[in-house]
Amino acid sequence: MFLVYVFERIVLGEIMTNRLIKFFTLIFLFLFLANFVIAYQAPLEDFGFKGIILEGESKKECVPLSIDIVELNETGNGILSLNAKFEGAKANSSFVSVKINEMKEIVIWPENFSDNGYARVFVPALAKQKTDLEICLISGGNSERTELLTSSYIGLYDTPVLEIKTTAPKSIILGEKAHMKIFLKNTGSMDTNYFVQFVSKDLRTLLNITSFDIIDGSSSASGVIKAGEVQEFNFSIIPGKISGYNLPSSIVKFTNIFGEEQIIASEHPQLSVLDPKQIKLNLTSFEMDDKLKLVILVENNWDEPFEGELIINPKDLIVSSTQEIQLGPKATKEIVLLTNKLLPGKYNFSATIKDTNNTYFSNSVSYSVKNDDWSLAIILAVFGVICAAIVFFVINTKN
């Protein structure tokens, strides 16, 4: 109560009139109160970090750090605070990347740094186990000078820690809706207000991102999430063509304990849009003496295995004209068959695959076999000549 009373007197100006004294007193009170949320804090210099400076573009420098504060027996949520400066074109493609215990790289673009030059990265299990960091500075675009400062630090805090994940079905058939889910989780120790944008514009990404309009559900949500709580949001999109997609990430915004608006983005979910027909058949043929070689290419367009029966028509001309087919997801299989000896004539071959629900047809292949036996033709020709000679002889005799 005494601290509250003193604070009120300072604000109202009834105790001190000297502004400088007021300022330092308020700083003292802030630091006093901060002790309740800061369990541990230290500059990265304590762990051997000497900063990184890059002059010009197309350069990269990485620094490995090993941080072991387990023996301090402090508790809290780990936060890495990186302080950087970027000089040059505003839209340059310089960035900072961080790997924590050799896990996936976290990319931090210049616009992700707050007005005071800091970007915050959550470091899980910092208080519980030794943590290995790899911090990289990459200069690009029209960078003149990029710098990662020695004023960067790491600490343990009583703070909210938000994680966001967007999920999509592995695959859908063209024309179906893709039902999306967002999971927002607070793994920290404090409640916080949040704002979630379900589909976020991704201006800075290393992937080719395809965006969609939401057709079912809201496009955003806001509220309060408690420490340890998980909240779920649902919406739907509908793709317009057969393809594999990198979908947009979702983002969550909240005010961190440093008074900054912090943005956390989910990973980009993957979605495969499949052909309504699971199986595609293509039939080609090649001549082989008095036989024909048929090559059937079978493609499974879906992310599901396939079992069916392959039939080649006409059956009586093909060796093994009927056989069982098994294909894994997105698999392709080539089947080669030979016809029996073909007599002179014209033939049409086609392939069919049947499963319990559908029948799939291939293209048709036509083939003609000509009569190459000249002996009969010669005999007929000789016979014709003899007949003509007899007729000519009979006519001349009568005359």
Protein backbone atom coordinates (compact mmCIF):
# COMPACT_ATOMS: atom_id res chain seq x y z
CA MET A 1 0.00 0.00 0.00
CA PHE A 2 2.91 2.34 0.72
CA LEU A 3 4.26 1.89 -2.86
CA VAL A 4 0.84 2.64 -4.27
CA TYR A 5 0.56 5.75 -2.13
CA VAL A 6 4.00 6.98 -3.21
CA PHE A 7 3.22 6.28 -6.86
CA GLU A 8 -0.04 8.25 -6.64
CA ARG A 9 1.71 11.23 -5.06
CA ILE A 10 4.32 11.22 -7.82
CA VAL A 11 1.76 11.13 -10.59
CA LEU A 12 -0.32 13.88 -8.99
CA GLY A 13 2.76 16.01 -8.37
CA GLU A 14 1.97 16.50 -4.68
CA ILE A 15 5.26 15.20 -3.24
CA MET A 16 7.99 16.10 -5.74
CA THR A 17 8.10 18.91 -8.21
CA ASN A 18 11.49 18.23 -9.73
CA ARG A 19 10.84 16.36 -13.02
CA LEU A 20 14.23 14.71 -13.02
CA ILE A 21 13.67 13.26 -9.57
CA LYS A 22 10.23 12.06 -10.70
CA PHE A 23 11.73 10.35 -13.75
CA PHE A 24 14.36 8.40 -11.81
CA THR A 25 11.87 7.49 -9.13
CA LEU A 26 9.50 6.05 -11.73
CA ILE A 27 12.39 4.11 -13.31
CA PHE A 28 13.22 2.71 -9.87
CA LEU A 29 9.63 1.63 -9.31
CA PHE A 30 9.49 0.06 -12.79
CA LEU A 31 12.64 -1.96 -12.16
CA PHE A 32 11.34 -2.94 -8.73
CA LEU A 33 8.11 -4.25 -10.23
CA ALA A 34 9.98 -5.87 -13.13
CA ASN A 35 11.69 -8.20 -10.69
CA PHE A 36 8.36 -9.98 -10.37
CA VAL A 37 8.34 -10.94 -14.08
CA ILE A 38 12.07 -11.30 -14.86
CA ALA A 39 13.61 -14.43 -13.39
CA TYR A 40 16.89 -14.19 -15.29
CA GLN A 41 18.38 -11.95 -17.95
CA ALA A 42 21.86 -11.73 -19.46
CA PRO A 43 23.51 -10.24 -22.55
CA LEU A 44 24.59 -12.67 -25.25
CA GLU A 45 28.12 -11.32 -24.70
CA ASP A 46 28.20 -13.46 -21.55
CA PHE A 47 28.09 -16.50 -23.82
CA GLY A 48 30.70 -15.31 -26.30
CA PHE A 49 28.58 -13.33 -28.77
CA LYS A 50 30.56 -10.42 -30.23
CA GLY A 51 28.02 -9.17 -32.73
CA ILE A 52 27.89 -9.45 -36.52
CA ILE A 53 28.48 -6.69 -39.08
CA LEU A 54 28.02 -7.18 -42.84
CA GLU A 55 28.98 -4.53 -45.40
CA GLY A 56 27.07 -4.83 -48.70
CA GLU A 57 24.70 -7.47 -49.99
CA SER A 58 24.82 -11.23 -50.62
CA LYS A 59 26.74 -12.03 -47.46
CA LYS A 60 26.10 -14.40 -44.59
CA GLU A 61 27.68 -14.95 -41.20
CA CYS A 62 26.59 -17.37 -38.48
CA VAL A 63 27.52 -17.60 -34.81
CA PRO A 64 26.94 -20.74 -32.71
CA LEU A 65 26.18 -20.21 -29.02
CA SER A 66 25.73 -22.66 -26.18
CA ILE A 67 23.62 -21.47 -23.24
CA ASP A 68 23.47 -23.49 -20.04
CA ILE A 69 21.67 -21.82 -17.12
CA VAL A 70 20.11 -24.96 -15.65
CA GLU A 71 22.23 -24.75 -12.48
CA LEU A 72 20.66 -21.40 -11.64
CA ASN A 73 17.43 -23.26 -10.76
CA GLU A 74 15.37 -20.38 -12.17
CA THR A 75 11.96 -20.87 -13.74
CA GLY A 76 10.29 -18.97 -16.52
CA ASN A 77 9.78 -18.84 -20.25
CA GLY A 78 12.87 -18.37 -22.39
CA ILE A 79 12.96 -15.36 -24.74
CA LEU A 80 15.84 -14.43 -27.05
CA SER A 81 15.87 -10.66 -27.72
CA LEU A 82 17.83 -9.80 -30.87
CA ASN A 83 18.83 -6.22 -31.61
CA ALA A 84 19.56 -5.45 -35.27
CA LYS A 85 20.06 -2.56 -37.67
CA PHE A 86 19.42 -2.62 -41.42
CA GLU A 87 20.77 0.16 -43.62
CA GLY A 88 19.93 0.54 -47.30
CA ALA A 89 16.77 0.11 -49.35
CA LYS A 90 13.70 -0.21 -47.16
CA ALA A 91 12.49 -3.30 -49.03
CA ASN A 92 15.80 -5.13 -48.90
CA SER A 93 15.83 -8.88 -48.47
CA SER A 94 18.20 -9.05 -45.53
CA PHE A 95 17.11 -11.14 -42.57
CA VAL A 96 18.18 -12.84 -39.36
CA SER A 97 17.75 -16.57 -38.84
CA VAL A 98 17.82 -18.59 -35.63
CA LYS A 99 18.11 -22.33 -35.07
CA ILE A 100 17.36 -23.69 -31.61
CA ASN A 101 18.94 -27.08 -30.84
CA GLU A 102 19.36 -27.70 -34.59
CA MET A 103 15.61 -27.55 -35.16
CA LYS A 104 13.89 -25.77 -38.05
CA GLU A 105 15.23 -22.35 -39.00
CA ILE A 106 13.26 -19.33 -37.76
CA VAL A 107 13.43 -16.42 -40.24
CA ILE A 108 13.10 -12.84 -38.95
CA TRP A 109 12.69 -10.09 -41.56
CA PRO A 110 13.57 -6.41 -40.93
CA GLU A 111 9.90 -5.47 -40.48
CA ASN A 112 9.62 -8.03 -37.68
CA PHE A 113 11.91 -5.90 -35.52
CA SER A 114 10.13 -3.38 -33.30
CA ASP A 115 10.76 0.38 -33.34
CA ASN A 116 13.48 -0.04 -30.73
CA GLY A 117 15.27 -2.54 -32.96
CA TYR A 118 14.39 -5.75 -31.10
CA ALA A 119 12.82 -8.99 -32.29
CA ARG A 120 11.70 -11.65 -29.80
CA VAL A 121 12.14 -15.39 -30.27
CA PHE A 122 10.71 -17.91 -27.81
CA VAL A 123 13.28 -20.44 -26.61
CA PRO A 124 11.50 -23.50 -25.17
CA ALA A 125 13.05 -25.40 -22.24
CA LEU A 126 15.77 -22.77 -21.74
CA ALA A 127 15.54 -23.16 -17.95
CA LYS A 128 15.44 -26.98 -18.08
CA GLN A 129 18.27 -27.98 -20.41
CA LYS A 130 21.34 -26.75 -22.21
CA THR A 131 20.33 -24.83 -25.34
CA ASP A 132 22.37 -24.57 -28.52
CA LEU A 133 21.68 -21.60 -30.77
CA GLU A 134 22.87 -20.75 -34.26
CA ILE A 135 22.25 -17.09 -35.06
CA CYS A 136 22.82 -15.97 -38.65
CA LEU A 137 22.76 -12.58 -40.34
CA ILE A 138 22.12 -12.55 -44.11
CA SER A 139 22.38 -9.40 -46.23
CA GLY A 140 20.48 -9.08 -49.50
CA GLY A 141 18.68 -6.70 -51.82
CA ASN A 142 20.28 -3.26 -51.73
CA SER A 143 21.75 -3.61 -48.25
CA GLU A 144 24.52 -1.19 -47.39
CA ARG A 145 25.20 -2.35 -43.86
CA THR A 146 23.47 -4.89 -41.64
CA GLU A 147 24.35 -5.37 -38.01
CA LEU A 148 23.37 -7.71 -35.21
CA LEU A 149 24.29 -5.84 -32.03
CA THR A 150 25.96 -7.03 -28.85
CA SER A 151 23.03 -5.48 -26.96
CA SER A 152 21.07 -8.64 -27.82
CA TYR A 153 20.21 -10.69 -24.73
CA ILE A 154 18.42 -13.75 -23.43
CA GLY A 155 16.26 -14.26 -20.38
CA LEU A 156 13.59 -16.11 -18.42
CA TYR A 157 10.28 -14.33 -17.85
CA ASP A 158 6.79 -14.67 -16.47
CA THR A 159 5.04 -14.13 -19.80
CA PRO A 160 2.46 -15.49 -22.23
CA VAL A 161 3.97 -17.71 -24.93
CA LEU A 162 1.64 -18.13 -27.90
CA GLU A 163 1.89 -20.84 -30.53
CA ILE A 164 -0.34 -21.03 -33.61
CA LYS A 165 -0.85 -23.93 -35.99
CA THR A 166 -2.94 -24.16 -39.16
CA THR A 167 -3.96 -27.61 -40.39
CA ALA A 168 -5.46 -28.70 -43.70
CA PRO A 169 -6.65 -32.08 -44.96
CA LYS A 170 -3.90 -34.02 -46.70
CA SER A 171 -5.93 -34.14 -49.90
CA ILE A 172 -9.38 -33.40 -51.31
CA ILE A 173 -11.11 -34.14 -54.61
CA LEU A 174 -11.48 -31.21 -57.01
CA GLY A 175 -14.75 -29.40 -56.21
CA GLU A 176 -14.77 -30.34 -52.51
CA LYS A 177 -14.30 -27.91 -49.63
CA ALA A 178 -11.07 -28.00 -47.66
CA HIS A 179 -12.02 -27.75 -43.98
CA MET A 180 -9.23 -25.88 -42.19
CA LYS A 181 -8.47 -25.70 -38.48
CA ILE A 182 -6.41 -23.25 -36.44
CA PHE A 183 -5.10 -24.16 -33.00
CA LEU A 184 -3.98 -21.33 -30.71
CA LYS A 185 -2.06 -22.39 -27.60
CA ASN A 186 -0.65 -20.44 -24.67
CA THR A 187 2.29 -22.39 -23.23
CA GLY A 188 3.36 -19.47 -21.06
CA SER A 189 2.48 -18.49 -17.50
CA MET A 190 0.29 -15.41 -18.10
CA ASP A 191 -3.10 -14.77 -19.73
CA THR A 192 -3.19 -12.38 -22.70
CA ASN A 193 -5.47 -10.71 -25.22
CA TYR A 194 -5.01 -11.79 -28.85
CA PHE A 195 -6.13 -11.19 -32.42
CA VAL A 196 -5.95 -14.04 -34.97
CA GLN A 197 -6.01 -13.51 -38.74
CA PHE A 198 -6.93 -16.84 -40.36
CA VAL A 199 -5.44 -16.16 -43.81
CA SER A 200 -2.50 -13.79 -43.75
CA LYS A 201 -0.82 -12.05 -46.67
CA ASP A 202 2.69 -13.39 -46.89
CA LEU A 203 4.88 -10.68 -48.36
CA ARG A 204 8.13 -12.17 -47.10
CA THR A 205 8.43 -15.89 -47.73
CA LEU A 206 10.82 -18.35 -49.28
CA LEU A 207 7.88 -20.37 -50.69
CA ASN A 208 5.41 -19.89 -53.50
CA ILE A 209 2.18 -19.31 -51.57
CA THR A 210 -1.28 -19.70 -53.09
CA SER A 211 -4.08 -17.75 -51.41
CA PHE A 212 -7.79 -18.54 -51.20
CA ASP A 213 -10.91 -16.73 -50.08
CA ILE A 214 -12.70 -18.13 -47.05
CA ILE A 215 -16.11 -19.46 -48.07
CA ASP A 216 -17.34 -20.76 -44.68
CA GLY A 217 -16.56 -19.23 -41.31
CA SER A 218 -15.06 -15.94 -40.17
CA SER A 219 -11.74 -14.54 -41.35
CA SER A 220 -10.47 -13.54 -37.89
CA ALA A 221 -11.04 -13.88 -34.16
CA SER A 222 -10.08 -12.06 -30.97
CA GLY A 223 -10.34 -12.74 -27.27
CA VAL A 224 -8.39 -13.76 -24.18
CA ILE A 225 -6.40 -16.96 -23.89
CA LYS A 226 -5.38 -18.21 -20.46
CA ALA A 227 -2.07 -19.77 -19.56
CA GLY A 228 -2.09 -23.42 -20.61
CA GLU A 229 -5.26 -23.02 -22.71
CA VAL A 230 -5.82 -24.21 -26.29
CA GLN A 231 -8.46 -22.61 -28.54
CA GLU A 232 -9.67 -23.89 -31.92
CA PHE A 233 -11.05 -22.02 -34.95
CA ASN A 234 -12.58 -23.44 -38.16
CA PHE A 235 -13.04 -22.18 -41.71
CA SER A 236 -13.23 -23.58 -45.25
CA ILE A 237 -11.72 -22.82 -48.65
CA ILE A 238 -12.39 -24.31 -52.09
CA PRO A 239 -9.56 -24.67 -54.67
CA GLY A 240 -10.35 -24.29 -58.36
CA LYS A 241 -7.88 -26.64 -60.03
CA ILE A 242 -5.95 -29.88 -59.58
CA SER A 243 -2.60 -29.09 -57.97
CA GLY A 244 -0.47 -29.26 -54.86
CA TYR A 245 -0.71 -26.07 -52.79
CA ASN A 246 1.31 -24.18 -50.20
CA LEU A 247 -1.50 -22.42 -48.34
CA PRO A 248 -1.17 -19.08 -46.49
CA SER A 249 -0.17 -19.06 -42.85
CA SER A 250 -2.35 -17.70 -40.06
CA ILE A 251 -1.01 -15.11 -37.63
CA VAL A 252 -1.70 -14.13 -34.03
CA LYS A 253 -1.00 -10.66 -32.65
CA PHE A 254 -0.63 -9.80 -28.97
CA THR A 255 1.22 -7.34 -26.74
CA ASN A 256 4.27 -8.93 -25.13
CA ILE A 257 5.73 -8.04 -21.74
CA PHE A 258 8.04 -5.53 -23.40
CA GLY A 259 5.02 -3.49 -24.50
CA GLU A 260 5.49 -4.41 -28.18
CA GLU A 261 2.95 -5.84 -30.61
CA GLN A 262 4.29 -9.28 -31.35
CA ILE A 263 3.22 -11.33 -34.39
CA ILE A 264 3.53 -15.12 -34.47
CA ALA A 265 2.89 -16.92 -37.76
CA SER A 266 1.99 -20.54 -38.34
CA GLU A 267 3.74 -22.76 -40.84
CA HIS A 268 2.23 -23.02 -44.30
CA PRO A 269 -0.11 -26.03 -44.50
CA GLN A 270 0.09 -28.28 -47.56
CA LEU A 271 -2.97 -29.34 -49.55
CA SER A 272 -3.21 -31.71 -52.52
CA VAL A 273 -6.23 -31.32 -54.80
CA LEU A 274 -6.86 -34.55 -56.69
CA ASP A 275 -8.42 -35.51 -59.98
CA PRO A 276 -11.97 -36.83 -59.47
CA LYS A 277 -10.83 -39.93 -61.36
CA GLN A 278 -8.37 -41.91 -59.28
CA ILE A 279 -6.88 -43.92 -62.15
CA LYS A 280 -5.52 -42.74 -65.49
CA LEU A 281 -4.75 -45.29 -68.23
CA ASN A 282 -2.62 -44.83 -71.34
CA LEU A 283 -2.12 -47.56 -73.94
CA THR A 284 0.65 -47.64 -76.55
CA SER A 285 1.78 -50.40 -78.97
CA PHE A 286 4.94 -51.57 -80.72
CA GLU A 287 5.33 -54.06 -83.59
CA MET A 288 7.20 -57.32 -82.88
CA ASP A 289 7.32 -59.59 -85.96
CA ASP A 290 3.93 -61.30 -86.13
CA LYS A 291 2.94 -60.11 -82.64
CA LEU A 292 2.18 -56.79 -81.00
CA LYS A 293 3.67 -55.46 -77.75
CA LEU A 294 1.16 -53.46 -75.67
CA VAL A 295 2.42 -51.06 -72.98
CA ILE A 296 -0.15 -49.93 -70.38
CA LEU A 297 0.79 -47.00 -68.12
CA VAL A 298 -1.38 -46.90 -64.98
CA GLU A 299 -1.31 -43.75 -62.79
CA ASN A 300 -2.88 -43.40 -59.34
CA ASN A 301 -3.85 -39.72 -58.94
CA TRP A 302 -4.85 -39.97 -55.29
CA ASP A 303 -3.06 -40.03 -51.95
CA GLU A 304 -4.69 -43.39 -51.27
CA PRO A 305 -3.67 -46.92 -52.35
CA PHE A 306 -5.58 -48.60 -55.18
CA GLU A 307 -6.56 -52.20 -55.91
CA GLY A 308 -8.37 -53.30 -59.06
CA GLU A 309 -8.53 -55.65 -62.01
CA LEU A 310 -6.87 -54.87 -65.34
CA ILE A 311 -8.55 -56.26 -68.49
CA ILE A 312 -7.19 -56.00 -72.05
CA ASN A 313 -9.60 -56.44 -74.94
CA PRO A 314 -9.95 -58.47 -77.06
CA LYS A 315 -9.10 -61.04 -74.38
CA ASP A 316 -8.57 -64.00 -76.72
CA LEU A 317 -5.63 -62.27 -78.44
CA ILE A 318 -3.63 -61.33 -75.33
CA VAL A 319 -1.43 -63.43 -73.09
CA SER A 320 -2.53 -62.77 -69.44
CA SER A 321 -5.27 -60.41 -70.59
CA THR A 322 -6.71 -60.17 -67.04
CA GLN A 323 -4.63 -59.47 -63.90
CA GLU A 324 -4.81 -57.85 -60.48
CA ILE A 325 -3.36 -54.35 -60.06
CA GLN A 326 -2.09 -52.77 -56.81
CA LEU A 327 -0.78 -49.22 -56.67
CA GLY A 328 0.46 -47.12 -53.77
CA PRO A 329 -0.57 -43.47 -53.25
CA LYS A 330 0.47 -41.25 -56.18
CA ALA A 331 2.21 -44.24 -57.77
CA THR A 332 2.71 -45.15 -61.43
CA LYS A 333 3.06 -48.64 -62.89
CA GLU A 334 3.97 -49.84 -66.38
CA ILE A 335 2.59 -53.17 -67.62
CA VAL A 336 3.88 -54.83 -70.80
CA LEU A 337 1.85 -57.56 -72.56
CA LEU A 338 2.25 -59.50 -75.82
CA THR A 339 -0.49 -60.55 -78.21
CA ASN A 340 -0.73 -64.00 -79.71
CA LYS A 341 0.30 -64.42 -83.34
CA LEU A 342 -1.97 -62.16 -85.33
CA LEU A 343 -3.55 -63.28 -88.61
CA PRO A 344 -4.15 -60.82 -91.42
CA GLY A 345 -6.85 -58.35 -90.47
CA LYS A 346 -7.58 -55.14 -88.52
CA TYR A 347 -7.55 -55.09 -84.71
CA ASN A 348 -8.55 -52.62 -81.96
CA PHE A 349 -7.07 -52.96 -78.47
CA SER A 350 -8.12 -51.16 -75.26
CA ALA A 351 -7.52 -51.45 -71.50
CA THR A 352 -10.02 -51.30 -68.64
CA ILE A 353 -9.48 -51.22 -64.87
CA LYS A 354 -12.29 -51.97 -62.44
CA ASP A 355 -12.47 -51.66 -58.68
CA THR A 356 -15.47 -52.08 -56.39
CA ASN A 357 -16.87 -48.65 -57.27
CA ASN A 358 -15.58 -47.44 -60.63
CA THR A 359 -14.46 -48.45 -64.11
CA TYR A 360 -11.61 -46.64 -65.86
CA PHE A 361 -10.96 -46.79 -69.63
CA SER A 362 -7.84 -46.25 -71.70
CA ASN A 363 -7.49 -44.91 -75.20
CA SER A 364 -7.90 -47.33 -78.13
CA VAL A 365 -5.04 -48.60 -80.28
CA SER A 366 -5.65 -49.82 -83.87
CA TYR A 367 -3.38 -52.24 -85.72
CA SER A 368 -3.60 -53.89 -89.14
CA VAL A 369 -1.90 -57.12 -90.31
CA LYS A 370 -1.47 -57.44 -94.06
CA ASN A 371 -1.26 -60.72 -96.01
CA ASP A 372 2.40 -61.21 -96.91
CA ASP A 373 1.93 -64.76 -98.46
CA TRP A 374 2.58 -64.23 -102.22
CA SER A 375 2.34 -67.95 -103.22
CA LEU A 376 -1.46 -67.94 -103.40
CA ALA A 377 -1.41 -64.76 -105.42
CA ILE A 378 1.08 -66.28 -107.85
CA ILE A 379 -1.00 -69.46 -108.25
CA LEU A 380 -4.12 -67.40 -108.86
CA ALA A 381 -2.28 -65.29 -111.39
CA VAL A 382 -0.97 -68.34 -113.27
CA PHE A 383 -4.40 -69.91 -113.17
CA GLY A 384 -5.86 -66.71 -114.60
CA VAL A 385 -3.33 -66.68 -117.43
CA ILE A 386 -4.07 -70.32 -118.31
CA CYS A 387 -7.81 -69.68 -118.33
CA ALA A 388 -7.32 -66.67 -120.58
CA ALA A 389 -5.16 -68.72 -122.96
CA ILE A 390 -7.79 -71.49 -123.19
CA VAL A 391 -10.53 -69.01 -123.94
CA PHE A 392 -8.38 -67.36 -126.61
CA PHE A 393 -7.60 -70.80 -128.20
CA VAL A 394 -11.27 -71.82 -128.29
CA ILE A 395 -12.34 -68.61 -129.92
CA ASN A 396 -9.66 -68.80 -132.60
CA THR A 397 -10.45 -72.50 -133.37
CA LYS A 398 -14.13 -71.76 -134.08
CA ASN A 399 -13.21 -69.05 -136.45
